[in-house]
Protein backbone atom coordinates (compact mmCIF):
# COMPACT_ATOMS: atom_id res chain seq x y z
CA MET A 1 9.86 31.04 -17.93
CA PRO A 2 10.16 31.22 -14.37
CA ALA A 3 13.08 29.90 -12.46
CA LEU A 4 12.82 26.30 -11.30
CA SER A 5 13.15 27.61 -7.82
CA SER A 6 10.11 29.85 -8.14
CA VAL A 7 7.72 26.95 -9.39
CA SER A 8 5.48 26.27 -6.36
CA HIS A 9 5.51 22.90 -4.79
CA ALA A 10 1.78 22.41 -5.38
CA ALA A 11 2.15 23.28 -9.24
CA THR A 12 4.95 20.64 -9.23
CA ALA A 13 2.75 17.98 -7.67
CA ALA A 14 -0.40 18.77 -9.81
CA ALA A 15 2.05 18.12 -12.80
CA ALA A 16 3.37 14.94 -11.64
CA ILE A 17 0.16 12.98 -10.46
CA SER A 18 1.32 10.20 -13.06
CA ARG A 19 3.35 9.44 -16.26
CA LEU A 20 0.01 8.97 -17.86
CA PRO A 21 -2.08 12.05 -17.54
CA PRO A 22 -5.45 11.41 -15.94
CA PRO A 23 -8.56 12.44 -17.72
CA PRO A 24 -10.40 15.25 -16.31
CA ALA A 25 -12.97 13.94 -13.76
CA ASP A 26 -15.98 15.34 -15.62
CA THR A 27 -15.17 12.86 -18.49
CA LEU A 28 -15.06 9.83 -16.37
CA ASP A 29 -17.95 7.32 -16.84
CA GLY A 30 -20.40 7.15 -13.82
CA ASP A 31 -19.11 4.17 -11.98
CA VAL A 32 -15.36 5.14 -12.37
CA ARG A 33 -16.29 8.72 -11.31
CA ALA A 34 -18.14 7.36 -8.28
CA LEU A 35 -14.85 5.43 -7.48
CA TYR A 36 -12.93 8.48 -7.84
CA GLU A 37 -15.42 10.43 -5.42
CA ALA A 38 -15.50 7.62 -2.81
CA ASN A 39 -11.57 7.68 -2.81
CA HIS A 40 -11.49 11.21 -2.23
CA ARG A 41 -10.02 12.30 -5.64
CA GLU A 42 -6.77 10.79 -4.63
CA ASN A 43 -3.92 10.59 -7.09
CA TRP A 44 -4.03 6.79 -7.36
CA ILE A 45 -7.47 6.51 -8.25
CA ALA A 46 -6.89 9.35 -10.85
CA ALA A 47 -4.04 7.62 -12.25
CA LEU A 48 -5.80 4.34 -12.63
CA SER A 49 -8.77 6.05 -14.20
CA VAL A 50 -6.97 6.16 -17.36
CA ASN A 51 -8.43 2.86 -17.91
CA GLY A 52 -11.74 2.46 -16.00
CA ALA A 53 -11.79 -1.34 -16.10
CA THR A 54 -8.34 -1.20 -14.33
CA ALA A 55 -9.51 1.32 -11.89
CA LYS A 56 -12.46 -0.83 -10.98
CA ARG A 57 -10.69 -4.13 -10.61
CA PHE A 58 -8.08 -2.39 -8.42
CA ALA A 59 -10.55 -0.82 -6.20
CA GLY A 60 -12.62 -3.82 -5.90
CA TYR A 61 -9.72 -6.02 -4.77
CA PHE A 62 -8.38 -3.39 -2.49
CA GLY A 63 -11.82 -2.65 -1.02
CA SER A 64 -12.10 -6.48 -0.32
CA LEU A 65 -8.55 -7.00 1.12
CA PHE A 66 -8.93 -4.03 3.46
CA ALA A 67 -12.52 -4.26 4.37
CA THR A 68 -13.09 -4.13 8.23
CA GLU A 69 -15.22 -7.40 7.84
CA GLY A 70 -14.38 -10.56 5.86
CA SER A 71 -10.81 -10.54 6.59
CA LEU A 72 -8.98 -12.93 8.90
CA LEU A 73 -6.01 -10.93 9.83
CA PRO A 74 -6.44 -7.86 12.04
CA LEU A 75 -6.20 -4.52 10.05
CA GLN A 76 -2.86 -3.63 11.58
CA GLU A 77 -1.35 -6.93 10.40
CA ARG A 78 -2.45 -6.13 6.93
CA GLU A 79 -1.13 -2.65 7.05
CA LEU A 80 2.10 -4.02 8.60
CA ILE A 81 2.52 -6.49 5.37
CA ALA A 82 1.53 -3.39 3.04
CA VAL A 83 4.10 -1.12 4.66
CA ILE A 84 6.98 -3.90 4.76
CA VAL A 85 6.39 -4.77 1.01
CA SER A 86 6.19 -1.15 -0.12
CA ALA A 87 9.13 -0.31 1.60
CA ILE A 88 11.20 -3.05 0.12
CA ASN A 89 10.03 -1.98 -3.31
CA GLY A 90 10.54 1.57 -2.85
CA CYS A 91 6.87 2.55 -3.58
CA GLY A 92 6.92 5.73 -1.99
CA LEU A 93 3.07 6.30 -2.72
CA CYS A 94 2.01 3.01 -0.97
CA GLU A 95 4.68 3.27 1.74
CA ILE A 96 3.61 6.58 2.91
CA HIS A 97 -0.22 5.87 2.51
CA HIS A 98 0.18 2.50 4.58
CA VAL A 99 2.61 3.96 7.19
CA ASN A 100 -0.19 6.52 7.99
CA ALA A 101 -2.85 3.65 8.09
CA LEU A 102 -0.41 1.42 10.12
CA ALA A 103 0.14 4.16 12.48
CA SER A 104 -3.58 4.80 12.79
CA ALA A 105 -4.41 0.87 13.21
CA LEU A 106 -1.66 0.65 15.94
CA GLY A 107 -2.52 4.09 17.69
CA ASP A 108 1.45 4.46 17.47
CA ASP A 109 2.89 6.74 14.84
CA GLU A 110 6.44 6.16 15.96
CA LYS A 111 6.38 2.54 15.82
CA ALA A 112 4.88 2.54 12.32
CA ARG A 113 7.56 5.06 11.00
CA ARG A 114 10.37 2.58 12.61
CA ILE A 115 8.80 -0.46 10.87
CA ALA A 116 8.97 1.44 7.53
CA LEU A 117 12.53 2.68 7.97
CA ASP A 118 13.89 -0.82 9.30
CA PRO A 119 11.64 -3.23 11.01
CA HIS A 120 14.80 -4.01 13.22
CA LEU A 121 14.30 -0.48 14.76
CA ALA A 122 10.86 -1.25 15.89
CA PRO A 123 9.60 -3.30 18.92
CA LEU A 124 7.87 -6.24 17.30
CA SER A 125 5.95 -9.12 18.76
CA ALA A 126 7.00 -12.70 17.59
CA ARG A 127 4.09 -12.61 15.40
CA GLU A 128 4.50 -9.38 13.95
CA GLN A 129 8.28 -10.42 13.40
CA ALA A 130 6.95 -13.58 11.56
CA LEU A 131 4.60 -11.62 9.33
CA VAL A 132 7.64 -9.13 8.54
CA ASP A 133 9.82 -12.24 7.47
CA LEU A 134 7.07 -13.82 5.56
CA ALA A 135 6.43 -10.61 3.75
CA THR A 136 10.05 -10.01 3.01
CA SER A 137 10.50 -13.65 1.63
CA VAL A 138 7.31 -13.16 -0.59
CA THR A 139 8.61 -9.84 -2.03
CA THR A 140 12.42 -10.56 -2.50
CA ASP A 141 12.68 -14.58 -3.00
CA PRO A 142 9.28 -16.25 -3.00
CA LYS A 143 10.95 -19.67 -3.52
CA SER A 144 12.62 -19.24 -0.22
CA VAL A 145 9.31 -19.68 1.61
CA GLU A 146 9.49 -23.19 2.74
CA PRO A 147 7.60 -25.35 5.27
CA ARG A 148 9.36 -24.22 8.16
CA ALA A 149 8.07 -20.60 7.60
CA PHE A 150 4.61 -22.10 7.91
CA ASP A 151 5.63 -23.92 10.84
CA ARG A 152 6.99 -20.67 12.35
CA LEU A 153 3.75 -18.61 11.62
CA ARG A 154 1.65 -21.38 13.14
CA ALA A 155 3.85 -21.39 16.17
CA VAL A 156 2.83 -17.65 16.63
CA GLY A 157 -0.91 -18.40 16.49
CA LEU A 158 -1.75 -17.92 12.70
CA SER A 159 -4.05 -20.48 11.11
CA ASP A 160 -3.26 -21.93 7.68
CA ALA A 161 -6.16 -19.57 6.40
CA GLU A 162 -4.42 -16.59 8.11
CA ILE A 163 -0.92 -17.69 6.47
CA LEU A 164 -2.71 -17.73 2.93
CA GLU A 165 -4.27 -14.27 3.70
CA ALA A 166 -0.89 -12.73 4.63
CA ILE A 167 0.74 -14.30 1.60
CA GLU A 168 -2.25 -12.77 -0.58
CA THR A 169 -1.76 -9.50 1.11
CA ALA A 170 1.93 -9.58 0.39
CA SER A 171 1.63 -10.80 -3.32
CA TRP A 172 -1.17 -8.05 -3.98
CA PHE A 173 1.09 -5.35 -2.66
CA ASN A 174 4.09 -6.44 -4.98
CA HIS A 175 1.51 -6.07 -7.75
CA THR A 176 0.29 -2.66 -6.47
CA ASN A 177 3.88 -1.24 -6.02
CA ARG A 178 4.87 -2.22 -9.77
CA ILE A 179 1.73 -0.30 -11.01
CA PHE A 180 2.34 2.89 -9.14
CA ILE A 181 6.11 2.76 -9.40
CA SER A 182 5.99 2.32 -13.20
CA LEU A 183 3.24 5.23 -13.29
CA GLY A 184 5.45 7.36 -11.23
CA VAL A 185 2.10 8.23 -8.97
CA TRP A 186 2.75 11.28 -6.93
CA PRO A 187 1.71 10.94 -3.18
CA ASP A 188 -1.13 13.28 -2.23
CA GLU A 189 -0.27 16.31 0.03
CA LYS A 190 -2.26 15.03 2.77
CA TYR A 191 -0.08 12.04 3.30
CA PHE A 192 2.64 14.25 4.74
CA ASP A 193 0.28 16.01 7.05
CA ARG A 194 0.91 13.74 9.96
């Protein structure tokens, strides 16, 4: 048996995709395989393909929540919420994925990384800070979200429909984080290429 130090990083990553071994791609039903291919064979979709119905529900909701059309909040604000929730929960897969997506949406890698490390280390607008505070409350103590939080969000320009979408986004990422943390899904190598 080779010494641990001689085991390649790639072999370790391949063995650690998820705590539930994903089925081989060629055994997936057509619609699940199409999702797997459409999502670039990433580890998260491979892990969810253990249950095709779960993979389809997840991909459908994610696709609708992060579509370029049909959302009220700009993509960078939805990504901001995803990063905050994932960082608080310690979901490495979602955090690194959405830090990269936030960096792309903002056109600012450094700001995205600062937000993930500690939002107090990033230059945030009043609107961004209000969204960070809401996402933090939804994640750590949803009962603490009181009418004054909504007043603050309205004061920085969010409509009630946008506030609801922000809560939906934060809540969905809490759901997502718990799935991927429980499964121990390994982040794809490409997430580290930035």
